[in-house]
């Protein structure tokens, strides 16, 4: 089955800019606090990729999900679950079981 590339660095750059404006965040301040290059948005606009770690830190700073910044959802809310390590392992085990039952 062919996969669709859902990574669009130009749209990502624009969504970061829009979310920062909505949160009243100065981009230069955010990038400085996150120890990211002030040219991060310019690089994205040129088609360069950003690491998952950097994207996660930006999303956390802007209090939204990475999927929202990437344009995969219109809901900026982060779906946080406070699971213990044991509960997280049980969820992982269950998902692996479900996937193993596929034909």
C-alpha atoms as a PDB file:
ATOM      1  CA  UNK A   1       0.000   0.000   0.000  1.00  0.00           C
ATOM      2  CA  UNK A   2       1.550   3.376  -0.964  1.00  0.00           C
ATOM      3  CA  UNK A   3       2.030   5.840   1.843  1.00  0.00           C
ATOM      4  CA  UNK A   4       1.239   9.504   1.634  1.00  0.00           C
ATOM      5  CA  UNK A   5       3.970  11.910   2.675  1.00  0.00           C
ATOM      6  CA  UNK A   6       2.414  14.064   5.378  1.00  0.00           C
ATOM      7  CA  UNK A   7       5.526  16.148   5.966  1.00  0.00           C
ATOM      8  CA  UNK A   8       5.394  19.588   4.366  1.00  0.00           C
ATOM      9  CA  UNK A   9       8.159  21.790   5.754  1.00  0.00           C
ATOM     10  CA  UNK A  10       6.745  24.956   4.199  1.00  0.00           C
ATOM     11  CA  UNK A  11       3.314  24.409   5.788  1.00  0.00           C
ATOM     12  CA  UNK A  12       5.041  23.483   9.057  1.00  0.00           C
ATOM     13  CA  UNK A  13       6.923  26.793   9.074  1.00  0.00           C
ATOM     14  CA  UNK A  14       3.718  28.706   8.447  1.00  0.00           C
ATOM     15  CA  UNK A  15       1.825  26.815  11.152  1.00  0.00           C
ATOM     16  CA  UNK A  16       4.585  27.500  13.691  1.00  0.00           C
ATOM     17  CA  UNK A  17       4.409  31.199  12.812  1.00  0.00           C
ATOM     18  CA  UNK A  18       0.603  31.266  13.084  1.00  0.00           C
ATOM     19  CA  UNK A  19       0.541  29.403  16.415  1.00  0.00           C
ATOM     20  CA  UNK A  20       3.264  31.628  17.847  1.00  0.00           C
ATOM     21  CA  UNK A  21       1.273  34.708  16.872  1.00  0.00           C
ATOM     22  CA  UNK A  22      -1.900  33.222  18.384  1.00  0.00           C
ATOM     23  CA  UNK A  23       0.002  32.581  21.640  1.00  0.00           C
ATOM     24  CA  UNK A  24       1.627  36.037  21.536  1.00  0.00           C
ATOM     25  CA  UNK A  25       5.077  34.420  21.356  1.00  0.00           C
ATOM     26  CA  UNK A  26       8.020  36.158  19.737  1.00  0.00           C
ATOM     27  CA  UNK A  27       9.698  33.639  17.437  1.00  0.00           C
ATOM     28  CA  UNK A  28      13.209  34.904  18.147  1.00  0.00           C
ATOM     29  CA  UNK A  29      12.615  34.532  21.889  1.00  0.00           C
ATOM     30  CA  UNK A  30      11.183  31.036  21.476  1.00  0.00           C
ATOM     31  CA  UNK A  31      14.073  29.850  19.318  1.00  0.00           C
ATOM     32  CA  UNK A  32      16.606  31.345  21.732  1.00  0.00           C
ATOM     33  CA  UNK A  33      14.962  29.677  24.746  1.00  0.00           C
ATOM     34  CA  UNK A  34      14.807  26.355  22.906  1.00  0.00           C
ATOM     35  CA  UNK A  35      18.431  26.701  21.777  1.00  0.00           C
ATOM     36  CA  UNK A  36      17.385  26.482  18.129  1.00  0.00           C
ATOM     37  CA  UNK A  37      18.748  28.500  15.243  1.00  0.00           C
ATOM     38  CA  UNK A  38      16.986  31.766  14.508  1.00  0.00           C
ATOM     39  CA  UNK A  39      16.997  30.544  10.897  1.00  0.00           C
ATOM     40  CA  UNK A  40      14.857  27.527  11.722  1.00  0.00           C
ATOM     41  CA  UNK A  41      11.772  28.874   9.931  1.00  0.00           C
ATOM     42  CA  UNK A  42      13.826  30.009   6.943  1.00  0.00           C
ATOM     43  CA  UNK A  43      15.336  26.544   6.677  1.00  0.00           C
ATOM     44  CA  UNK A  44      11.881  24.965   6.785  1.00  0.00           C
ATOM     45  CA  UNK A  45      10.668  27.332   4.084  1.00  0.00           C
ATOM     46  CA  UNK A  46      13.586  26.142   1.943  1.00  0.00           C
ATOM     47  CA  UNK A  47      12.367  22.559   2.301  1.00  0.00           C
ATOM     48  CA  UNK A  48      14.772  21.434   5.005  1.00  0.00           C
ATOM     49  CA  UNK A  49      13.598  19.028   7.672  1.00  0.00           C
ATOM     50  CA  UNK A  50      13.515  19.532  11.424  1.00  0.00           C
ATOM     51  CA  UNK A  51      14.310  16.849  13.980  1.00  0.00           C
ATOM     52  CA  UNK A  52      11.447  15.265  15.889  1.00  0.00           C
ATOM     53  CA  UNK A  53      13.040  16.481  19.117  1.00  0.00           C
ATOM     54  CA  UNK A  54      13.105  20.090  17.929  1.00  0.00           C
ATOM     55  CA  UNK A  55       9.539  19.873  16.660  1.00  0.00           C
ATOM     56  CA  UNK A  56       8.398  18.401  19.980  1.00  0.00           C
ATOM     57  CA  UNK A  57      10.078  21.211  21.920  1.00  0.00           C
ATOM     58  CA  UNK A  58       8.434  23.832  19.692  1.00  0.00           C
ATOM     59  CA  UNK A  59       5.028  22.161  20.092  1.00  0.00           C
ATOM     60  CA  UNK A  60       5.458  22.026  23.874  1.00  0.00           C
ATOM     61  CA  UNK A  61       6.517  25.676  23.948  1.00  0.00           C
ATOM     62  CA  UNK A  62       3.467  26.663  21.899  1.00  0.00           C
ATOM     63  CA  UNK A  63       1.225  24.327  23.935  1.00  0.00           C
ATOM     64  CA  UNK A  64      -0.058  22.398  20.959  1.00  0.00           C
ATOM     65  CA  UNK A  65       0.447  19.004  19.397  1.00  0.00           C
ATOM     66  CA  UNK A  66       3.072  18.189  16.816  1.00  0.00           C
ATOM     67  CA  UNK A  67       0.288  16.919  14.549  1.00  0.00           C
ATOM     68  CA  UNK A  68      -1.377  20.331  14.742  1.00  0.00           C
ATOM     69  CA  UNK A  69       1.828  22.079  13.677  1.00  0.00           C
ATOM     70  CA  UNK A  70       2.235  19.597  10.853  1.00  0.00           C
ATOM     71  CA  UNK A  71      -1.324  20.229   9.645  1.00  0.00           C
ATOM     72  CA  UNK A  72      -2.537  16.700  10.412  1.00  0.00           C
ATOM     73  CA  UNK A  73      -5.306  17.931  12.700  1.00  0.00           C
ATOM     74  CA  UNK A  74      -7.192  21.174  13.233  1.00  0.00           C
ATOM     75  CA  UNK A  75      -7.323  20.615  16.995  1.00  0.00           C
ATOM     76  CA  UNK A  76      -4.271  22.125  18.701  1.00  0.00           C
ATOM     77  CA  UNK A  77      -5.021  20.361  22.001  1.00  0.00           C
ATOM     78  CA  UNK A  78      -2.486  17.889  23.242  1.00  0.00           C
ATOM     79  CA  UNK A  79      -4.028  14.580  24.230  1.00  0.00           C
ATOM     80  CA  UNK A  80      -2.083  13.911  27.410  1.00  0.00           C
ATOM     81  CA  UNK A  81      -2.467  10.700  29.323  1.00  0.00           C
ATOM     82  CA  UNK A  82      -1.001  10.288  32.772  1.00  0.00           C
ATOM     83  CA  UNK A  83      -0.083   6.641  32.633  1.00  0.00           C
ATOM     84  CA  UNK A  84       2.246   4.806  34.928  1.00  0.00           C
ATOM     85  CA  UNK A  85       5.091   2.842  33.351  1.00  0.00           C
ATOM     86  CA  UNK A  86       3.154  -0.356  34.065  1.00  0.00           C
ATOM     87  CA  UNK A  87      -0.009   1.004  32.402  1.00  0.00           C
ATOM     88  CA  UNK A  88       1.982   2.206  29.398  1.00  0.00           C
ATOM     89  CA  UNK A  89       3.509  -1.266  29.019  1.00  0.00           C
ATOM     90  CA  UNK A  90       0.065  -2.864  29.202  1.00  0.00           C
ATOM     91  CA  UNK A  91      -1.194  -0.557  26.440  1.00  0.00           C
ATOM     92  CA  UNK A  92       1.827  -1.394  24.291  1.00  0.00           C
ATOM     93  CA  UNK A  93       1.363  -5.114  24.900  1.00  0.00           C
ATOM     94  CA  UNK A  94      -2.326  -4.901  24.030  1.00  0.00           C
ATOM     95  CA  UNK A  95      -1.634  -3.006  20.804  1.00  0.00           C
ATOM     96  CA  UNK A  96       0.966  -5.569  19.804  1.00  0.00           C
ATOM     97  CA  UNK A  97      -1.559  -8.346  20.501  1.00  0.00           C
ATOM     98  CA  UNK A  98      -4.235  -6.631  18.381  1.00  0.00           C
ATOM     99  CA  UNK A  99      -1.797  -6.103  15.508  1.00  0.00           C
ATOM    100  CA  UNK A 100      -0.642  -9.718  15.698  1.00  0.00           C
ATOM    101  CA  UNK A 101      -4.254 -10.847  15.109  1.00  0.00           C
ATOM    102  CA  UNK A 102      -4.415  -9.179  11.686  1.00  0.00           C
ATOM    103  CA  UNK A 103      -4.505 -11.486   8.714  1.00  0.00           C
END
